[in-house]
C-alpha atoms as a PDB file:
ATOM      1  CA  MET A   1      70.584 -58.881-125.481  1.00  0.00           C
ATOM      2  CA  THR A   2      66.830 -59.068-124.998  1.00  0.00           C
ATOM      3  CA  ALA A   3      65.141 -61.858-126.927  1.00  0.00           C
ATOM      4  CA  LEU A   4      62.695 -61.215-129.728  1.00  0.00           C
ATOM      5  CA  PRO A   5      59.037 -61.628-128.814  1.00  0.00           C
ATOM      6  CA  ASP A   6      57.217 -64.676-130.113  1.00  0.00           C
ATOM      7  CA  ASP A   7      54.476 -64.743-132.750  1.00  0.00           C
ATOM      8  CA  ASP A   8      51.746 -64.360-130.119  1.00  0.00           C
ATOM      9  CA  ALA A   9      53.383 -61.261-128.623  1.00  0.00           C
ATOM     10  CA  VAL A  10      53.680 -59.671-132.075  1.00  0.00           C
ATOM     11  CA  ARG A  11      49.996 -60.407-132.773  1.00  0.00           C
ATOM     12  CA  GLU A  12      49.082 -58.913-129.407  1.00  0.00           C
ATOM     13  CA  ALA A  13      51.010 -55.725-130.274  1.00  0.00           C
ATOM     14  CA  LEU A  14      49.238 -55.589-133.642  1.00  0.00           C
ATOM     15  CA  ARG A  15      45.879 -55.753-131.850  1.00  0.00           C
ATOM     16  CA  GLN A  16      46.591 -52.152-130.809  1.00  0.00           C
ATOM     17  CA  VAL A  17      46.306 -51.085-134.464  1.00  0.00           C
ATOM     18  CA  ASP A  18      42.765 -50.311-135.577  1.00  0.00           C
ATOM     19  CA  ASP A  19      41.436 -49.904-139.083  1.00  0.00           C
ATOM     20  CA  PRO A  20      39.670 -46.585-138.436  1.00  0.00           C
ATOM     21  CA  GLU A  21      37.080 -47.203-141.135  1.00  0.00           C
ATOM     22  CA  ALA A  22      36.108 -50.599-139.701  1.00  0.00           C
ATOM     23  CA  GLY A  23      36.509 -49.625-136.049  1.00  0.00           C
ATOM     24  CA  MET A  24      38.300 -52.868-135.233  1.00  0.00           C
ATOM     25  CA  ASN A  25      41.906 -54.034-134.907  1.00  0.00           C
ATOM     26  CA  ILE A  26      43.783 -55.475-137.870  1.00  0.00           C
ATOM     27  CA  VAL A  27      44.283 -58.906-136.265  1.00  0.00           C
ATOM     28  CA  GLU A  28      40.564 -59.520-135.713  1.00  0.00           C
ATOM     29  CA  LEU A  29      39.823 -58.231-139.221  1.00  0.00           C
ATOM     30  CA  GLY A  30      42.169 -60.863-140.648  1.00  0.00           C
ATOM     31  CA  LEU A  31      44.510 -58.312-142.225  1.00  0.00           C
ATOM     32  CA  VAL A  32      47.699 -59.889-140.788  1.00  0.00           C
ATOM     33  CA  TYR A  33      48.747 -62.589-143.236  1.00  0.00           C
ATOM     34  CA  ALA A  34      52.201 -63.552-141.962  1.00  0.00           C
ATOM     35  CA  ILE A  35      54.724 -62.895-139.207  1.00  0.00           C
ATOM     36  CA  GLU A  36      58.310 -64.045-139.584  1.00  0.00           C
ATOM     37  CA  LEU A  37      60.821 -63.714-136.771  1.00  0.00           C
ATOM     38  CA  THR A  38      64.567 -63.880-137.382  1.00  0.00           C
ATOM     39  CA  PRO A  39      67.377 -63.013-134.944  1.00  0.00           C
ATOM     40  CA  ASP A  40      67.626 -59.424-136.213  1.00  0.00           C
ATOM     41  CA  ALA A  41      64.237 -58.665-137.776  1.00  0.00           C
ATOM     42  CA  VAL A  42      60.490 -59.060-137.666  1.00  0.00           C
ATOM     43  CA  ALA A  43      58.741 -59.243-141.038  1.00  0.00           C
ATOM     44  CA  ILE A  44      54.990 -58.800-141.267  1.00  0.00           C
ATOM     45  CA  ASP A  45      52.729 -59.177-144.286  1.00  0.00           C
ATOM     46  CA  LEU A  46      49.518 -57.161-144.076  1.00  0.00           C
ATOM     47  CA  THR A  47      46.684 -56.592-146.464  1.00  0.00           C
ATOM     48  CA  MET A  48      43.775 -54.180-146.553  1.00  0.00           C
ATOM     49  CA  THR A  49      40.111 -54.943-147.105  1.00  0.00           C
ATOM     50  CA  THR A  50      40.421 -53.137-150.447  1.00  0.00           C
ATOM     51  CA  ALA A  51      43.293 -51.843-152.571  1.00  0.00           C
ATOM     52  CA  ALA A  52      41.552 -48.457-152.501  1.00  0.00           C
ATOM     53  CA  CYS A  53      41.835 -48.204-148.696  1.00  0.00           C
ATOM     54  CA  PRO A  54      42.741 -44.576-147.939  1.00  0.00           C
ATOM     55  CA  MET A  55      44.130 -45.580-144.524  1.00  0.00           C
ATOM     56  CA  ALA A  56      46.696 -48.132-145.783  1.00  0.00           C
ATOM     57  CA  ASP A  57      49.799 -45.982-145.191  1.00  0.00           C
ATOM     58  CA  LEU A  58      48.623 -44.995-141.713  1.00  0.00           C
ATOM     59  CA  ILE A  59      47.836 -48.610-140.765  1.00  0.00           C
ATOM     60  CA  VAL A  60      51.205 -49.867-142.044  1.00  0.00           C
ATOM     61  CA  GLU A  61      53.049 -47.187-140.061  1.00  0.00           C
ATOM     62  CA  GLN A  62      51.032 -47.873-136.902  1.00  0.00           C
ATOM     63  CA  ALA A  63      51.738 -51.607-137.256  1.00  0.00           C
ATOM     64  CA  ARG A  64      55.463 -50.930-137.625  1.00  0.00           C
ATOM     65  CA  ALA A  65      55.446 -48.663-134.557  1.00  0.00           C
ATOM     66  CA  ALA A  66      53.445 -51.132-132.431  1.00  0.00           C
ATOM     67  CA  VAL A  67      55.895 -53.957-133.127  1.00  0.00           C
ATOM     68  CA  ALA A  68      58.975 -51.733-132.851  1.00  0.00           C
ATOM     69  CA  ALA A  69      57.846 -50.875-129.321  1.00  0.00           C
ATOM     70  CA  ILE A  70      58.161 -54.513-128.180  1.00  0.00           C
ATOM     71  CA  VAL A  71      61.372 -55.642-129.901  1.00  0.00           C
ATOM     72  CA  PRO A  72      64.946 -55.009-128.766  1.00  0.00           C
ATOM     73  CA  ALA A  73      66.531 -51.760-129.933  1.00  0.00           C
ATOM     74  CA  GLY A  74      68.136 -52.150-133.340  1.00  0.00           C
ATOM     75  CA  THR A  75      65.736 -54.878-134.487  1.00  0.00           C
ATOM     76  CA  ARG A  76      64.453 -54.211-137.985  1.00  0.00           C
ATOM     77  CA  VAL A  77      60.669 -54.224-138.374  1.00  0.00           C
ATOM     78  CA  ASP A  78      59.530 -54.687-141.964  1.00  0.00           C
ATOM     79  CA  VAL A  79      55.837 -54.346-142.766  1.00  0.00           C
ATOM     80  CA  THR A  80      54.885 -55.264-146.317  1.00  0.00           C
ATOM     81  CA  LEU A  81      51.509 -54.580-147.862  1.00  0.00           C
ATOM     82  CA  VAL A  82      50.412 -57.581-149.934  1.00  0.00           C
ATOM     83  CA  TRP A  83      47.387 -58.203-152.127  1.00  0.00           C
ATOM     84  CA  ASP A  84      47.624 -61.945-152.736  1.00  0.00           C
ATOM     85  CA  PRO A  85      45.526 -63.661-151.666  1.00  0.00           C
ATOM     86  CA  PRO A  86      42.861 -60.958-151.765  1.00  0.00           C
ATOM     87  CA  TRP A  87      41.174 -60.273-148.435  1.00  0.00           C
ATOM     88  CA  THR A  88      37.682 -61.629-147.946  1.00  0.00           C
ATOM     89  CA  PRO A  89      35.404 -61.503-144.876  1.00  0.00           C
ATOM     90  CA  ASP A  90      36.085 -65.201-144.186  1.00  0.00           C
ATOM     91  CA  LYS A  91      39.552 -64.158-142.916  1.00  0.00           C
ATOM     92  CA  MET A  92      37.947 -62.317-139.966  1.00  0.00           C
ATOM     93  CA  THR A  93      37.842 -63.870-136.516  1.00  0.00           C
ATOM     94  CA  GLY A  94      34.607 -64.776-134.780  1.00  0.00           C
ATOM     95  CA  ILE A  95      34.988 -61.624-132.679  1.00  0.00           C
ATOM     96  CA  ALA A  96      34.990 -59.474-135.815  1.00  0.00           C
ATOM     97  CA  ARG A  97      32.063 -61.370-137.330  1.00  0.00           C
ATOM     98  CA  GLU A  98      30.052 -60.739-134.134  1.00  0.00           C
ATOM     99  CA  HIS A  99      31.067 -57.075-134.129  1.00  0.00           C
ATOM    100  CA  PHE A 100      29.599 -56.646-137.604  1.00  0.00           C
ATOM    101  CA  GLY A 101      26.591 -58.865-136.892  1.00  0.00           C
ATOM    102  CA  TRP A 102      27.756 -61.535-139.345  1.00  0.00           C
ATOM    103  CA  THR A 103      27.125 -64.540-137.129  1.00  0.00           C
ATOM    104  CA  SER A 104      25.025 -67.430-138.292  1.00  0.00           C
END
């Protein structure tokens, strides 16, 4: 059996998923809150920049597909949309802050 990827590999796969409204990937935006790896599953907690995000379902499905592509066949990939703690711009990486011109 092929081993599960590590946390870094899952984050790298999630970098392929862009928030189309922000024009940046969900990792840099700070939307990935948690990744949990078990022998038979990968669980990911994501949030959106706002609860009114019209792209939430699309982003969740793209995240699930991106991770499913790198795990062994039969591995469950659970992506949960969470709202606590609420997202704020301080969760973004330096790359995202630069992209939006929010550097100091």
